[in-house]
Structure formats: C-alpha cells, structure tokens
Protein backbone atom coordinates (compact mmCIF):
# COMPACT_ATOMS: atom_id res chain seq x y z
CA MET A 1 21.60 -4.84 -24.01
CA PRO A 2 19.88 -1.42 -23.98
CA ALA A 3 19.74 0.42 -20.68
CA ASP A 4 16.43 0.87 -18.92
CA PRO A 5 14.77 4.23 -19.66
CA PRO A 6 14.92 6.79 -16.86
CA LEU A 7 12.27 6.56 -14.17
CA PRO A 8 9.18 8.77 -14.59
CA ASP A 9 9.81 12.30 -13.38
CA PRO A 10 7.12 13.34 -10.85
CA ASP A 11 6.87 16.87 -12.26
CA ARG A 12 6.22 15.60 -15.79
CA ALA A 13 4.15 12.59 -14.83
CA LEU A 14 1.83 14.48 -12.49
CA ALA A 15 1.51 17.68 -14.53
CA PRO A 16 -2.27 17.12 -15.08
CA LEU A 17 -2.77 17.36 -11.30
CA ALA A 18 -1.31 20.86 -11.00
CA ALA A 19 -4.60 22.68 -11.64
CA HIS A 20 -6.23 21.16 -8.53
CA ASP A 21 -5.62 22.11 -4.90
CA ALA A 22 -7.29 19.04 -3.38
CA LEU A 23 -7.02 15.55 -4.89
CA LEU A 24 -8.15 12.03 -4.02
CA LEU A 25 -5.80 9.28 -5.25
CA ALA A 26 -7.29 5.83 -5.84
CA VAL A 27 -4.70 3.36 -4.53
CA SER A 28 -5.57 -0.34 -4.50
CA GLY A 29 -2.13 -1.53 -3.45
CA GLY A 30 -1.16 -2.91 -6.85
CA PRO A 31 2.13 -1.85 -8.48
CA ASP A 32 0.51 0.82 -10.67
CA SER A 33 -1.30 2.67 -7.90
CA VAL A 34 1.61 2.27 -5.46
CA ALA A 35 3.83 3.88 -8.10
CA LEU A 36 1.30 6.72 -8.41
CA ALA A 37 1.44 7.31 -4.66
CA LEU A 38 5.25 7.15 -4.60
CA LEU A 39 5.43 9.74 -7.38
CA ALA A 40 2.93 11.95 -5.51
CA ALA A 41 5.06 11.70 -2.37
CA ARG A 42 8.07 12.98 -4.38
CA TRP A 43 6.13 15.60 -6.35
CA PRO A 44 7.60 19.07 -5.69
CA LEU A 45 4.14 20.68 -5.96
CA GLY A 46 2.69 18.14 -3.56
CA SER A 47 3.50 20.25 -0.50
CA GLN A 48 1.18 22.95 -1.89
CA LYS A 49 -1.70 20.52 -2.42
CA ARG A 50 -4.04 18.57 -0.17
CA ILE A 51 -3.66 14.97 -1.28
CA GLU A 52 -5.59 12.09 0.27
CA ILE A 53 -5.70 8.40 -0.64
CA ALA A 54 -8.68 6.06 -0.87
CA THR A 55 -8.74 2.28 -1.18
CA VAL A 56 -11.92 0.52 -2.25
CA ASP A 57 -12.68 -2.81 -0.59
CA HIS A 58 -15.18 -4.48 -2.93
CA GLY A 59 -15.70 -7.35 -0.48
CA LEU A 60 -15.06 -9.86 -3.26
CA ARG A 61 -11.84 -11.43 -1.92
CA ALA A 62 -10.93 -12.71 1.53
CA ASP A 63 -7.67 -10.71 1.54
CA ALA A 64 -9.18 -7.41 0.41
CA ALA A 65 -9.81 -5.95 3.87
CA GLN A 66 -6.29 -6.78 5.07
CA GLU A 67 -4.77 -5.30 1.92
CA ALA A 68 -6.79 -2.10 2.31
CA ALA A 69 -5.56 -1.77 5.90
CA GLN A 70 -1.96 -2.25 4.71
CA VAL A 71 -2.38 0.49 2.10
CA GLY A 72 -3.55 2.70 4.96
CA GLU A 73 -0.27 2.10 6.79
CA TRP A 74 1.69 2.87 3.63
CA ALA A 75 -0.33 6.04 3.02
CA ARG A 76 0.43 7.34 6.49
CA ALA A 77 4.12 6.61 5.92
CA TRP A 78 3.94 8.61 2.68
CA GLY A 79 2.30 11.45 4.61
CA PHE A 80 -1.23 11.15 3.18
CA PRO A 81 -4.57 10.70 4.98
CA HIS A 82 -6.23 7.41 4.02
CA HIS A 83 -9.83 6.25 3.57
CA ILE A 84 -11.15 2.71 3.19
CA LEU A 85 -14.33 2.66 1.09
CA ARG A 86 -16.43 -0.50 1.28
CA TRP A 87 -18.87 -1.75 -1.31
CA GLU A 88 -21.63 -2.90 1.00
CA GLY A 89 -24.62 -5.11 0.31
CA GLU A 90 -25.30 -8.17 -1.79
CA LYS A 91 -23.04 -8.52 -4.81
CA PRO A 92 -24.42 -9.11 -8.32
CA ALA A 93 -24.18 -12.55 -9.90
CA THR A 94 -23.44 -11.24 -13.41
CA ARG A 95 -21.25 -8.52 -14.98
CA ILE A 96 -19.35 -8.41 -11.70
CA GLN A 97 -16.31 -6.49 -12.99
CA GLU A 98 -18.43 -3.86 -14.71
CA ARG A 99 -20.61 -3.35 -11.65
CA ALA A 100 -17.62 -3.34 -9.30
CA ARG A 101 -16.13 -0.58 -11.46
CA GLU A 102 -19.36 1.42 -11.22
CA ALA A 103 -19.41 0.95 -7.45
CA ARG A 104 -15.75 1.96 -7.19
CA TYR A 105 -16.25 5.26 -8.98
CA ARG A 106 -19.46 5.95 -7.08
CA LEU A 107 -17.65 5.48 -3.76
CA LEU A 108 -14.63 7.52 -4.87
CA SER A 109 -16.83 10.37 -6.12
CA ALA A 110 -18.79 10.49 -2.88
CA ARG A 111 -15.65 10.57 -0.74
CA ALA A 112 -13.98 13.18 -2.97
CA ARG A 113 -16.96 15.49 -2.48
CA GLU A 114 -16.95 14.84 1.27
CA ILE A 115 -13.32 15.93 1.63
CA GLY A 116 -13.61 18.83 -0.83
CA ALA A 117 -11.41 17.29 -3.52
CA THR A 118 -12.03 18.50 -7.07
CA ALA A 119 -10.31 15.58 -8.78
CA ILE A 120 -10.02 11.81 -8.55
CA VAL A 121 -6.70 10.39 -9.73
CA THR A 122 -6.24 6.83 -10.98
CA ALA A 123 -3.13 4.89 -12.04
CA HIS A 124 -4.28 3.62 -15.45
CA HIS A 125 -1.28 3.21 -17.76
CA SER A 126 -0.64 2.60 -21.46
CA ASP A 127 -0.95 -1.20 -21.16
CA ASP A 128 -4.42 -0.65 -19.68
CA GLN A 129 -5.20 1.69 -22.56
CA ALA A 130 -4.17 -0.86 -25.20
CA GLU A 131 -6.18 -3.57 -23.43
CA THR A 132 -9.24 -1.29 -23.30
CA VAL A 133 -9.00 -0.61 -27.04
CA LEU A 134 -8.79 -4.34 -27.79
CA PHE A 135 -11.70 -5.10 -25.46
CA ARG A 136 -13.87 -2.45 -27.11
CA LEU A 137 -12.79 -3.53 -30.58
CA THR A 138 -14.10 -7.03 -29.91
CA ARG A 139 -17.43 -5.51 -28.88
CA GLY A 140 -17.84 -3.34 -31.96
CA SER A 141 -17.42 0.01 -30.22
CA GLY A 142 -17.77 3.25 -32.11
CA VAL A 143 -15.11 5.90 -32.61
CA ALA A 144 -15.55 7.30 -29.09
CA GLY A 145 -15.15 3.83 -27.58
CA LEU A 146 -11.97 3.10 -29.53
CA ALA A 147 -10.52 6.42 -28.32
CA ALA A 148 -10.58 4.62 -24.94
CA MET A 149 -9.50 6.54 -21.83
CA ALA A 150 -8.65 10.23 -21.77
CA THR A 151 -5.96 11.73 -19.56
CA GLN A 152 -8.59 14.14 -18.26
CA SER A 153 -12.36 13.62 -18.20
CA ARG A 154 -15.31 14.22 -15.89
CA ILE A 155 -17.27 12.00 -13.53
CA ASP A 156 -20.16 13.11 -11.31
CA GLY A 157 -19.10 16.74 -11.65
CA LEU A 158 -15.47 16.02 -10.68
CA ALA A 159 -12.31 15.82 -12.73
CA LEU A 160 -11.10 12.27 -13.39
CA LEU A 161 -7.35 12.33 -14.02
CA ARG A 162 -5.24 9.50 -15.44
CA PRO A 163 -1.75 11.05 -15.48
CA LEU A 164 0.12 7.77 -16.11
CA LEU A 165 -1.45 6.85 -19.47
CA GLY A 166 1.84 7.68 -21.18
CA PHE A 167 3.80 5.11 -19.15
CA ARG A 168 4.09 1.35 -19.51
CA LYS A 169 3.32 -0.98 -16.63
CA ALA A 170 6.97 -2.09 -16.52
CA GLU A 171 8.05 1.51 -15.89
CA LEU A 172 5.68 1.79 -12.94
CA GLU A 173 6.90 -1.50 -11.52
CA ARG A 174 10.43 -0.07 -11.72
CA VAL A 175 9.30 2.91 -9.64
CA CYS A 176 8.28 0.47 -6.90
CA ALA A 177 11.46 -1.58 -7.31
CA GLU A 178 13.75 1.46 -7.11
CA ALA A 179 11.94 2.57 -3.94
CA GLY A 180 12.14 -0.96 -2.51
CA HIS A 181 8.40 -0.80 -1.93
CA ALA A 182 6.10 -3.82 -1.74
CA TYR A 183 2.77 -4.13 -3.54
CA PHE A 184 -0.02 -6.65 -4.03
CA ARG A 185 -1.03 -8.77 -7.01
CA ASP A 186 -4.77 -9.11 -7.62
CA PRO A 187 -5.52 -12.78 -8.41
CA SER A 188 -8.55 -11.75 -10.48
CA ASN A 189 -6.05 -10.51 -13.09
CA GLU A 190 -5.28 -14.17 -13.79
CA ASN A 191 -8.86 -15.46 -13.74
CA PRO A 192 -9.91 -16.64 -17.25
CA ALA A 193 -13.56 -16.16 -16.29
CA TYR A 194 -13.02 -12.49 -17.18
CA ALA A 195 -12.89 -11.39 -20.82
CA ARG A 196 -9.96 -9.03 -20.27
CA VAL A 197 -7.85 -11.86 -18.89
CA ARG A 198 -8.65 -14.06 -21.90
CA LEU A 199 -7.72 -11.23 -24.26
CA ARG A 200 -4.49 -10.64 -22.35
CA ARG A 201 -3.52 -14.25 -22.95
CA LEU A 202 -3.87 -13.67 -26.70
CA ALA A 203 -1.35 -10.83 -26.62
CA ASP A 204 1.58 -12.77 -28.10
CA THR A 205 -0.54 -14.23 -30.90
CA LEU A 206 -2.01 -10.84 -31.80
CA ALA A 207 1.40 -9.16 -31.63
CA ALA A 208 2.79 -11.70 -34.09
CA GLU A 209 0.13 -10.49 -36.55
CA GLY A 210 1.01 -6.84 -35.93
CA LEU A 211 -1.70 -6.05 -33.37
CA ASP A 212 0.60 -5.32 -30.45
CA ALA A 213 0.22 -2.70 -27.74
CA GLU A 214 1.83 0.00 -29.86
CA ALA A 215 -0.59 -0.64 -32.74
CA LEU A 216 -3.55 -0.52 -30.38
CA LEU A 217 -2.29 2.74 -28.88
CA ARG A 218 -1.94 4.24 -32.38
CA LEU A 219 -5.52 3.19 -33.10
CA SER A 220 -6.65 4.82 -29.85
CA ALA A 221 -4.84 8.09 -30.64
CA ARG A 222 -6.30 8.22 -34.17
CA ALA A 223 -9.79 7.42 -32.91
CA ALA A 224 -9.46 10.14 -30.26
CA ARG A 225 -8.45 12.64 -32.94
CA ALA A 226 -11.39 11.64 -35.14
CA GLU A 227 -13.80 11.73 -32.19
CA GLN A 228 -12.65 15.23 -31.27
CA ALA A 229 -13.31 16.42 -34.83
CA LEU A 230 -16.70 14.71 -34.99
CA ALA A 231 -17.81 16.08 -31.63
CA TRP A 232 -16.70 19.62 -32.60
CA SER A 233 -18.49 19.41 -35.95
CA ALA A 234 -21.65 17.92 -34.41
CA GLU A 235 -21.83 20.73 -31.88
CA LYS A 236 -21.53 23.36 -34.63
CA ILE A 237 -24.02 21.65 -36.93
CA ALA A 238 -26.57 21.18 -34.14
CA LEU A 239 -26.77 24.96 -33.71
CA GLU A 240 -27.36 25.71 -37.39
CA PRO A 241 -31.05 24.88 -37.83
CA PRO A 242 -33.48 27.13 -35.94
CA ALA A 243 -34.79 25.03 -33.07
CA GLU A 244 -36.77 25.41 -29.88
CA ARG A 245 -34.59 24.42 -26.92
CA GLY A 246 -36.64 25.03 -23.83
CA GLU A 247 -36.42 23.32 -20.47
CA GLY A 248 -37.68 19.81 -21.07
CA ARG A 249 -38.39 20.34 -24.77
CA PHE A 250 -36.61 20.29 -28.13
CA ARG A 251 -38.38 20.98 -31.43
CA VAL A 252 -36.84 21.33 -34.88
CA GLU A 253 -38.32 21.39 -38.36
CA ALA A 254 -37.96 18.01 -40.06
CA GLU A 255 -36.58 19.56 -43.22
CA ALA A 256 -33.52 20.77 -41.28
CA LEU A 257 -32.66 17.19 -40.29
CA ARG A 258 -33.21 15.38 -43.59
CA ALA A 259 -29.89 16.45 -45.11
CA LEU A 260 -27.83 15.66 -41.99
CA PRO A 261 -25.34 12.79 -42.25
CA ARG A 262 -26.66 10.03 -40.01
CA GLU A 263 -23.73 10.26 -37.62
CA PHE A 264 -24.65 13.87 -36.85
CA LEU A 265 -28.33 13.03 -36.51
CA LEU A 266 -27.35 10.36 -33.98
CA ARG A 267 -25.20 12.81 -32.02
CA LEU A 268 -27.92 15.47 -32.03
CA LEU A 269 -30.37 12.92 -30.65
CA ALA A 270 -27.88 11.78 -28.00
CA ALA A 271 -27.23 15.34 -26.79
CA GLU A 272 -30.89 16.31 -26.54
CA ILE A 273 -31.96 13.00 -24.98
CA ALA A 274 -29.27 13.44 -22.32
CA ARG A 275 -30.36 17.05 -21.69
CA ILE A 276 -34.08 16.34 -21.53
CA GLY A 277 -34.31 12.76 -20.30
CA GLY A 278 -31.15 12.65 -18.23
CA GLY A 279 -30.16 9.22 -19.59
CA GLU A 280 -27.28 7.98 -21.71
CA PRO A 281 -28.65 5.05 -23.74
CA ARG A 282 -26.34 2.37 -25.06
CA LEU A 283 -24.92 3.05 -28.49
CA GLU A 284 -26.77 0.13 -30.09
CA ARG A 285 -30.15 1.46 -28.92
CA LEU A 286 -29.28 4.98 -29.99
CA GLU A 287 -28.22 3.71 -33.42
CA ARG A 288 -31.47 1.82 -33.89
CA ALA A 289 -33.53 4.84 -32.92
CA SER A 290 -31.61 7.27 -35.15
CA GLU A 291 -31.78 4.89 -38.13
CA ARG A 292 -35.53 4.52 -37.70
CA LEU A 293 -35.93 8.29 -37.39
CA ALA A 294 -33.80 8.90 -40.49
CA ASP A 295 -35.94 6.43 -42.46
CA ALA A 296 -39.12 8.08 -41.18
CA LEU A 297 -37.83 11.50 -42.20
CA ALA A 298 -36.96 10.21 -45.68
CA THR A 299 -40.34 8.55 -46.21
CA GLU A 300 -42.39 11.13 -44.28
CA THR A 301 -43.89 8.48 -42.03
CA ARG A 302 -44.76 8.84 -38.36
CA PHE A 303 -42.19 7.89 -35.73
CA LYS A 304 -42.21 7.65 -31.95
CA THR A 305 -39.86 6.03 -29.46
CA THR A 306 -38.73 6.37 -25.85
CA LEU A 307 -35.05 6.38 -25.06
CA GLY A 308 -32.96 7.47 -22.08
CA GLY A 309 -35.93 8.93 -20.23
CA ALA A 310 -37.11 10.98 -23.25
CA THR A 311 -39.75 10.58 -25.96
CA VAL A 312 -38.76 11.30 -29.55
CA THR A 313 -41.63 12.00 -31.95
CA PHE A 314 -41.89 12.83 -35.64
CA GLU A 315 -45.32 13.65 -36.89
CA GLY A 316 -46.17 16.25 -39.48
CA ASP A 317 -43.32 18.65 -40.09
CA ALA A 318 -41.24 18.58 -36.89
CA VAL A 319 -39.20 16.34 -34.61
CA VAL A 320 -39.96 16.84 -30.93
CA ILE A 321 -38.06 15.50 -27.92
CA SER A 322 -39.75 15.72 -24.52
CA PRO A 323 -39.52 13.95 -21.15
CA GLU A 324 -40.85 10.41 -21.07
CA PRO A 325 -44.26 10.41 -19.35
CA PRO A 326 -43.90 9.41 -15.67
CA ARG A 327 -46.45 6.61 -16.04
CA ARG A 328 -44.13 4.86 -18.50
CA ARG A 329 -40.99 4.93 -16.36
CA GLY A 330 -40.10 1.43 -15.20
CA GLY A 331 -42.86 -0.02 -17.37
CA ALA A 332 -43.03 -1.30 -20.91
CA ARG A 333 -40.69 0.44 -23.31
CA ASP A 334 -40.68 1.09 -27.00
CA GLU A 335 -38.28 -0.94 -29.09
CA GLY A 336 -35.95 2.07 -29.28
CA ASP A 337 -35.19 2.03 -25.55
C-alpha cells in the first residue's frame, strides 16, 4: 500500500501570501479552512505579517453562531485576532447559495478594508476546483468560466488569494488529523436540494466514463491557458482601430469592427460596457447583444440596445457606447439587457 504523500509545507503552500503584509483569512471551521489556519500558524513568514481571521455567520443554520464562536476560540489559540461577520436581514427564498456567497465576500471585503488588509485568503482546494468546472460545464459556461478559480484574483479592489488550489481535500484533512485538531462538517454539503451536492453524488459514475477530478482539472488548466491568450489578444486588438475613448463615451468607425472575429467583438463590448456603464452583464445577454450588433454591421442596419448600464448604438458609420440615460435605469429594458 503506497505511503501517504508528505503534508503540505507552509512555505510552499502559502507562497502567494508573501507579497502582502496584512491578510484576512476566511475560516468557517470546516476541515479545509482549519487546515489553512494551521498552516498559517506554522508559516515562518507569519511572524512578519499581520494575519487576522474572519468567520461568516450566514444565519441559515441553528448551529452557525456557536460554530463561529468556537472558531474564535481556536483563532485566539493560534495567535490570530478573530472577527464574526453576520449576514443580517431577511434571507432570499431562491438562489440561496449564490446569494450567500455574494454576502460572504461582501462582508469579508468590508472587514478587510476596515483592518487594513490588502488580501482575503480562502481555503478552496483542487476538489472544489474540479467541482466548479463540472458545475459550470453543465451550465454552458464559456472559456473563462471553465478556467474556474484562479490562485490570485481581485475582488472589490483587494487581492483574493486561494493558495490551496493545488492540494486535495484529503491532504488538508490530514493536516487537521496530524495536528489533532477538530473541525465542523456543514450539513448543507449533503443536501440534495443544491446542484453541487447532486453533481458530487455523480462523481463515481462520471469517473467511470473518464470524467474524474483529474480530467476536470486538466480541462480547467487548458481553459485558463486559452482564456489568457484570448484576453491578451483581445486587449491588443481593441487598441488597433482609432477610437474615441473619453470619460463616459466610446466611438469607433464601424468598418474597423466588421472584420473582427465575433469573440473579440464580444470582448471589446464587454470591456467598454464595464468601463462606461459600470455593469458586468451575464454572458448570455452579452452574446445576444454582440451577435445582433455583428449582424447589424454586416447588413448596415441600425442597432441599439442597453446593457450593463450602457447604451450601444450603431447608426450611420460608427458604433457608440455611452451611459444609459438615468430615466431608463430600473425601468423597461431593451432585449439586450
């Protein structure tokens, strides 16, 4: 029987954290986040950093408050200040996991700024990554979606670090076991009302057909590589045609867009809509709008839509993107939004 692999080395595992002097670790009390905290407590560079821990109480389970308080006791034993962040108010009746995730990151971001932390650190691991790829695959995600989670990204102007993406869940559970440290199990991880739980229960069947965690991780890595190339190319191509890029306005000659591959037209629209309108529309809406614009450019017909807080217009010889008129916000929307 093969020996267990060595436990994660804190220096290697937490290398992405080294660039930050103040960090906020998200620790729920599950085995993954407890392992993250245990590694941080043993991290040689940790003594040179200001590390604090936050636990989000979503108010969705009777035991959540008690568990958050217990994590606070553990955090103090590890030598870290601890914060309990509560999701207050009435809870939504639909898309509860998605909205709880949004609330969690909103609360973490706010507390990180309050304490002067420049990075939020989560304990997502490679099993989470594979599960995310499968979840997005079933929903028809694009290349960026299939790339899944990055080790380093940004959220609300802060770094979002996931240093444990290269480790399996079993390895992190071993970190807890070797330390003799307790942790909690979230019962929602066994609730078939949630899509991720139902997909998890298909794991053995999918693996028998070759779609195991390793295959999903390969897909994620290849999608990430392709997304990096597409994003780099789109940025270069977007700068090629002469265009007016003022505050709250984008104007480019239609002829410069007609020859663009539709993927790059979509990405150009997305970037300028985000800059001017401040919104990030869903991919499906963005695809519909870019397809309609491409058809209008090809047939030289008029086009107008609102999307992500911006108005996109093609009339005559130019495409113009400008802020959506205030009177329209919150009111009726064009089919592109």
